Amino acid sequence: MALASNDFVHLHTHSEFSLLDGLGRITDLVDEASAKGFDSLALTDHGALYGAV
């Protein structure tokens, strides 16, 4: 049984606010996830919640 794209959520995503291993800007991550059909995305930055503001 295949999962629909909205049945899967990436739960380990680092933004530019995770120093040394950040993936990208939050807006870019959201745009890419949306373009691929995802309706949610977890943000799990290291050591700070700067991206939540």
PDB file of N, CA and C in Angstrom:
ATOM      1  N   MET A   1       0.843  -1.179   0.000  1.00  0.00           N
ATOM      2  CA  MET A   1       0.000   0.000   0.000  1.00  0.00           C
ATOM      3  C   MET A   1       0.892   1.248   0.000  1.00  0.00           C
ATOM      4  N   ALA A   2       0.705   2.098  -0.948  1.00  0.00           N
ATOM      5  CA  ALA A   2       1.504   3.323  -1.054  1.00  0.00           C
ATOM      6  C   ALA A   2       0.893   4.425  -0.196  1.00  0.00           C
ATOM      7  N   LEU A   3       1.755   5.236   0.386  1.00  0.00           N
ATOM      8  CA  LEU A   3       1.296   6.369   1.176  1.00  0.00           C
ATOM      9  C   LEU A   3       1.024   7.556   0.265  1.00  0.00           C
ATOM     10  N   ALA A   4      -0.041   8.280   0.560  1.00  0.00           N
ATOM     11  CA  ALA A   4      -0.273   9.550  -0.129  1.00  0.00           C
ATOM     12  C   ALA A   4       0.763  10.539   0.390  1.00  0.00           C
ATOM     13  N   SER A   5       1.102  11.539  -0.394  1.00  0.00           N
ATOM     14  CA  SER A   5       2.154  12.476   0.015  1.00  0.00           C
ATOM     15  C   SER A   5       1.815  13.179   1.326  1.00  0.00           C
ATOM     16  N   ASN A   6       0.535  13.397   1.619  1.00  0.00           N
ATOM     17  CA  ASN A   6       0.181  14.081   2.857  1.00  0.00           C
ATOM     18  C   ASN A   6       0.116  13.132   4.054  1.00  0.00           C
ATOM     19  N   ASP A   7       0.387  11.833   3.849  1.00  0.00           N
ATOM     20  CA  ASP A   7       0.450  10.877   4.947  1.00  0.00           C
ATOM     21  C   ASP A   7       1.861  10.765   5.516  1.00  0.00           C
ATOM     22  N   PHE A   8       2.809  11.444   4.930  1.00  0.00           N
ATOM     23  CA  PHE A   8       4.204  11.379   5.355  1.00  0.00           C
ATOM     24  C   PHE A   8       4.686  12.779   5.712  1.00  0.00           C
ATOM     25  N   VAL A   9       5.387  12.895   6.837  1.00  0.00           N
ATOM     26  CA  VAL A   9       5.937  14.181   7.263  1.00  0.00           C
ATOM     27  C   VAL A   9       7.414  13.993   7.596  1.00  0.00           C
ATOM     28  N   HIS A  10       8.272  14.813   7.017  1.00  0.00           N
ATOM     29  CA  HIS A  10       9.688  14.781   7.384  1.00  0.00           C
ATOM     30  C   HIS A  10       9.817  15.359   8.793  1.00  0.00           C
ATOM     31  N   LEU A  11      10.311  14.551   9.721  1.00  0.00           N
ATOM     32  CA  LEU A  11      10.396  14.960  11.122  1.00  0.00           C
ATOM     33  C   LEU A  11      11.796  15.367  11.554  1.00  0.00           C
ATOM     34  N   HIS A  12      12.706  15.481  10.615  1.00  0.00           N
ATOM     35  CA  HIS A  12      14.079  15.858  10.955  1.00  0.00           C
ATOM     36  C   HIS A  12      14.593  16.815   9.881  1.00  0.00           C
ATOM     37  N   THR A  13      14.266  18.090  10.049  1.00  0.00           N
ATOM     38  CA  THR A  13      14.640  19.100   9.068  1.00  0.00           C
ATOM     39  C   THR A  13      15.360  20.248   9.763  1.00  0.00           C
ATOM     40  N   HIS A  14      16.556  20.564   9.316  1.00  0.00           N
ATOM     41  CA  HIS A  14      17.313  21.676   9.882  1.00  0.00           C
ATOM     42  C   HIS A  14      17.290  22.851   8.916  1.00  0.00           C
ATOM     43  N   SER A  15      17.041  24.027   9.456  1.00  0.00           N
ATOM     44  CA  SER A  15      17.045  25.234   8.631  1.00  0.00           C
ATOM     45  C   SER A  15      18.398  25.931   8.753  1.00  0.00           C
ATOM     46  N   GLU A  16      18.484  27.100   8.172  1.00  0.00           N
ATOM     47  CA  GLU A  16      19.707  27.897   8.243  1.00  0.00           C
ATOM     48  C   GLU A  16      20.065  28.287   9.677  1.00  0.00           C
ATOM     49  N   PHE A  17      19.128  28.116  10.609  1.00  0.00           N
ATOM     50  CA  PHE A  17      19.380  28.479  12.000  1.00  0.00           C
ATOM     51  C   PHE A  17      20.097  27.378  12.782  1.00  0.00           C
ATOM     52  N   SER A  18      20.302  26.214  12.193  1.00  0.00           N
ATOM     53  CA  SER A  18      21.141  25.171  12.792  1.00  0.00           C
ATOM     54  C   SER A  18      22.550  25.368  12.256  1.00  0.00           C
ATOM     55  N   LEU A  19      23.407  25.871  13.098  1.00  0.00           N
ATOM     56  CA  LEU A  19      24.775  26.138  12.661  1.00  0.00           C
ATOM     57  C   LEU A  19      25.484  24.837  12.313  1.00  0.00           C
ATOM     58  N   LEU A  20      26.296  24.879  11.320  1.00  0.00           N
ATOM     59  CA  LEU A  20      27.140  23.794  10.813  1.00  0.00           C
ATOM     60  C   LEU A  20      26.413  22.757   9.967  1.00  0.00           C
ATOM     61  N   ASP A  21      25.120  22.537  10.165  1.00  0.00           N
ATOM     62  CA  ASP A  21      24.454  21.515   9.347  1.00  0.00           C
ATOM     63  C   ASP A  21      23.072  21.937   8.863  1.00  0.00           C
ATOM     64  N   GLY A  22      22.839  23.243   8.785  1.00  0.00           N
ATOM     65  CA  GLY A  22      21.554  23.728   8.309  1.00  0.00           C
ATOM     66  C   GLY A  22      21.346  23.448   6.832  1.00  0.00           C
ATOM     67  N   LEU A  23      20.118  23.133   6.476  1.00  0.00           N
ATOM     68  CA  LEU A  23      19.808  22.770   5.096  1.00  0.00           C
ATOM     69  C   LEU A  23      19.524  23.985   4.223  1.00  0.00           C
ATOM     70  N   GLY A  24      18.717  24.904   4.685  1.00  0.00           N
ATOM     71  CA  GLY A  24      18.384  26.054   3.856  1.00  0.00           C
ATOM     72  C   GLY A  24      17.451  27.011   4.562  1.00  0.00           C
ATOM     73  N   ARG A  25      17.042  28.024   3.841  1.00  0.00           N
ATOM     74  CA  ARG A  25      16.110  29.010   4.390  1.00  0.00           C
ATOM     75  C   ARG A  25      14.740  28.376   4.592  1.00  0.00           C
ATOM     76  N   ILE A  26      14.053  28.809   5.631  1.00  0.00           N
ATOM     77  CA  ILE A  26      12.744  28.241   5.955  1.00  0.00           C
ATOM     78  C   ILE A  26      11.774  28.432   4.795  1.00  0.00           C
ATOM     79  N   THR A  27      11.777  29.602   4.182  1.00  0.00           N
ATOM     80  CA  THR A  27      10.854  29.837   3.064  1.00  0.00           C
ATOM     81  C   THR A  27      11.136  28.885   1.907  1.00  0.00           C
ATOM     82  N   ASP A  28      12.407  28.601   1.651  1.00  0.00           N
ATOM     83  CA  ASP A  28      12.761  27.653   0.584  1.00  0.00           C
ATOM     84  C   ASP A  28      12.314  26.236   0.930  1.00  0.00           C
ATOM     85  N   LEU A  29      12.481  25.847   2.194  1.00  0.00           N
ATOM     86  CA  LEU A  29      12.046  24.517   2.629  1.00  0.00           C
ATOM     87  C   LEU A  29      10.536  24.364   2.481  1.00  0.00           C
ATOM     88  N   VAL A  30       9.794  25.385   2.895  1.00  0.00           N
ATOM     89  CA  VAL A  30       8.330  25.348   2.802  1.00  0.00           C
ATOM     90  C   VAL A  30       7.889  25.316   1.343  1.00  0.00           C
ATOM     91  N   ASP A  31       8.493  26.138   0.516  1.00  0.00           N
ATOM     92  CA  ASP A  31       8.140  26.162  -0.910  1.00  0.00           C
ATOM     93  C   ASP A  31       8.390  24.810  -1.569  1.00  0.00           C
ATOM     94  N   GLU A  32       9.528  24.194  -1.272  1.00  0.00           N
ATOM     95  CA  GLU A  32       9.870  22.901  -1.868  1.00  0.00           C
ATOM     96  C   GLU A  32       8.941  21.797  -1.372  1.00  0.00           C
ATOM     97  N   ALA A  33       8.645  21.802  -0.071  1.00  0.00           N
ATOM     98  CA  ALA A  33       7.724  20.798   0.476  1.00  0.00           C
ATOM     99  C   ALA A  33       6.343  20.947  -0.151  1.00  0.00           C
ATOM    100  N   SER A  34       5.884  22.171  -0.292  1.00  0.00           N
ATOM    101  CA  SER A  34       4.581  22.432  -0.907  1.00  0.00           C
ATOM    102  C   SER A  34       4.559  21.992  -2.365  1.00  0.00           C
ATOM    103  N   ALA A  35       5.626  22.272  -3.091  1.00  0.00           N
ATOM    104  CA  ALA A  35       5.706  21.885  -4.501  1.00  0.00           C
ATOM    105  C   ALA A  35       5.668  20.371  -4.670  1.00  0.00           C
ATOM    106  N   LYS A  36       6.135  19.648  -3.653  1.00  0.00           N
ATOM    107  CA  LYS A  36       6.143  18.184  -3.720  1.00  0.00           C
ATOM    108  C   LYS A  36       4.882  17.570  -3.123  1.00  0.00           C
ATOM    109  N   GLY A  37       3.921  18.419  -2.723  1.00  0.00           N
ATOM    110  CA  GLY A  37       2.640  17.926  -2.236  1.00  0.00           C
ATOM    111  C   GLY A  37       2.539  17.695  -0.743  1.00  0.00           C
ATOM    112  N   PHE A  38       3.559  18.084   0.013  1.00  0.00           N
ATOM    113  CA  PHE A  38       3.498  17.924   1.463  1.00  0.00           C
ATOM    114  C   PHE A  38       2.702  19.070   2.073  1.00  0.00           C
ATOM    115  N   ASP A  39       1.877  18.752   3.080  1.00  0.00           N
ATOM    116  CA  ASP A  39       1.117  19.814   3.732  1.00  0.00           C
ATOM    117  C   ASP A  39       1.671  20.147   5.113  1.00  0.00           C
ATOM    118  N   SER A  40       2.764  19.489   5.509  1.00  0.00           N
ATOM    119  CA  SER A  40       3.401  19.790   6.787  1.00  0.00           C
ATOM    120  C   SER A  40       4.884  19.440   6.724  1.00  0.00           C
ATOM    121  N   LEU A  41       5.632  20.037   7.651  1.00  0.00           N
ATOM    122  CA  LEU A  41       7.077  19.849   7.691  1.00  0.00           C
ATOM    123  C   LEU A  41       7.538  20.184   9.106  1.00  0.00           C
ATOM    124  N   ALA A  42       8.302  19.311   9.728  1.00  0.00           N
ATOM    125  CA  ALA A  42       8.831  19.581  11.063  1.00  0.00           C
ATOM    126  C   ALA A  42      10.120  20.383  10.947  1.00  0.00           C
ATOM    127  N   LEU A  43      10.350  21.255  11.904  1.00  0.00           N
ATOM    128  CA  LEU A  43      11.584  22.028  11.957  1.00  0.00           C
ATOM    129  C   LEU A  43      12.308  21.640  13.240  1.00  0.00           C
ATOM    130  N   THR A  44      13.475  21.024  13.116  1.00  0.00           N
ATOM    131  CA  THR A  44      14.194  20.489  14.278  1.00  0.00           C
ATOM    132  C   THR A  44      15.603  21.065  14.346  1.00  0.00           C
ATOM    133  N   ASP A  45      15.682  22.380  14.446  1.00  0.00           N
ATOM    134  CA  ASP A  45      16.982  23.042  14.525  1.00  0.00           C
ATOM    135  C   ASP A  45      17.695  22.693  15.829  1.00  0.00           C
ATOM    136  N   HIS A  46      19.025  22.774  15.807  1.00  0.00           N
ATOM    137  CA  HIS A  46      19.843  22.481  16.982  1.00  0.00           C
ATOM    138  C   HIS A  46      20.006  23.705  17.870  1.00  0.00           C
ATOM    139  N   GLY A  47      19.797  23.530  19.165  1.00  0.00           N
ATOM    140  CA  GLY A  47      20.218  24.500  20.157  1.00  0.00           C
ATOM    141  C   GLY A  47      19.445  25.797  20.272  1.00  0.00           C
ATOM    142  N   ALA A  48      18.504  26.077  19.401  1.00  0.00           N
ATOM    143  CA  ALA A  48      17.792  27.350  19.460  1.00  0.00           C
ATOM    144  C   ALA A  48      16.464  27.243  18.732  1.00  0.00           C
ATOM    145  N   LEU A  49      15.592  28.196  19.025  1.00  0.00           N
ATOM    146  CA  LEU A  49      14.290  28.234  18.359  1.00  0.00           C
ATOM    147  C   LEU A  49      14.139  29.502  17.530  1.00  0.00           C
ATOM    148  N   TYR A  50      15.229  30.009  16.996  1.00  0.00           N
ATOM    149  CA  TYR A  50      15.185  31.244  16.218  1.00  0.00           C
ATOM    150  C   TYR A  50      14.248  31.137  15.020  1.00  0.00           C
ATOM    151  N   GLY A  51      14.153  29.979  14.414  1.00  0.00           N
ATOM    152  CA  GLY A  51      13.298  29.786  13.251  1.00  0.00           C
ATOM    153  C   GLY A  51      11.820  29.803  13.577  1.00  0.00           C
ATOM    154  N   ALA A  52      11.466  29.643  14.852  1.00  0.00           N
ATOM    155  CA  ALA A  52      10.060  29.628  15.251  1.00  0.00           C
ATOM    156  C   ALA A  52       9.488  31.033  15.384  1.00  0.00           C
ATOM    157  N   VAL A  53      10.346  32.020  15.456  1.00  0.00           N
ATOM    158  CA  VAL A  53       9.882  33.400  15.658  1.00  0.00           C
ATOM    159  C   VAL A  53       9.337  33.969  14.381  1.00  0.00           C
TER     160      VAL A  53
END
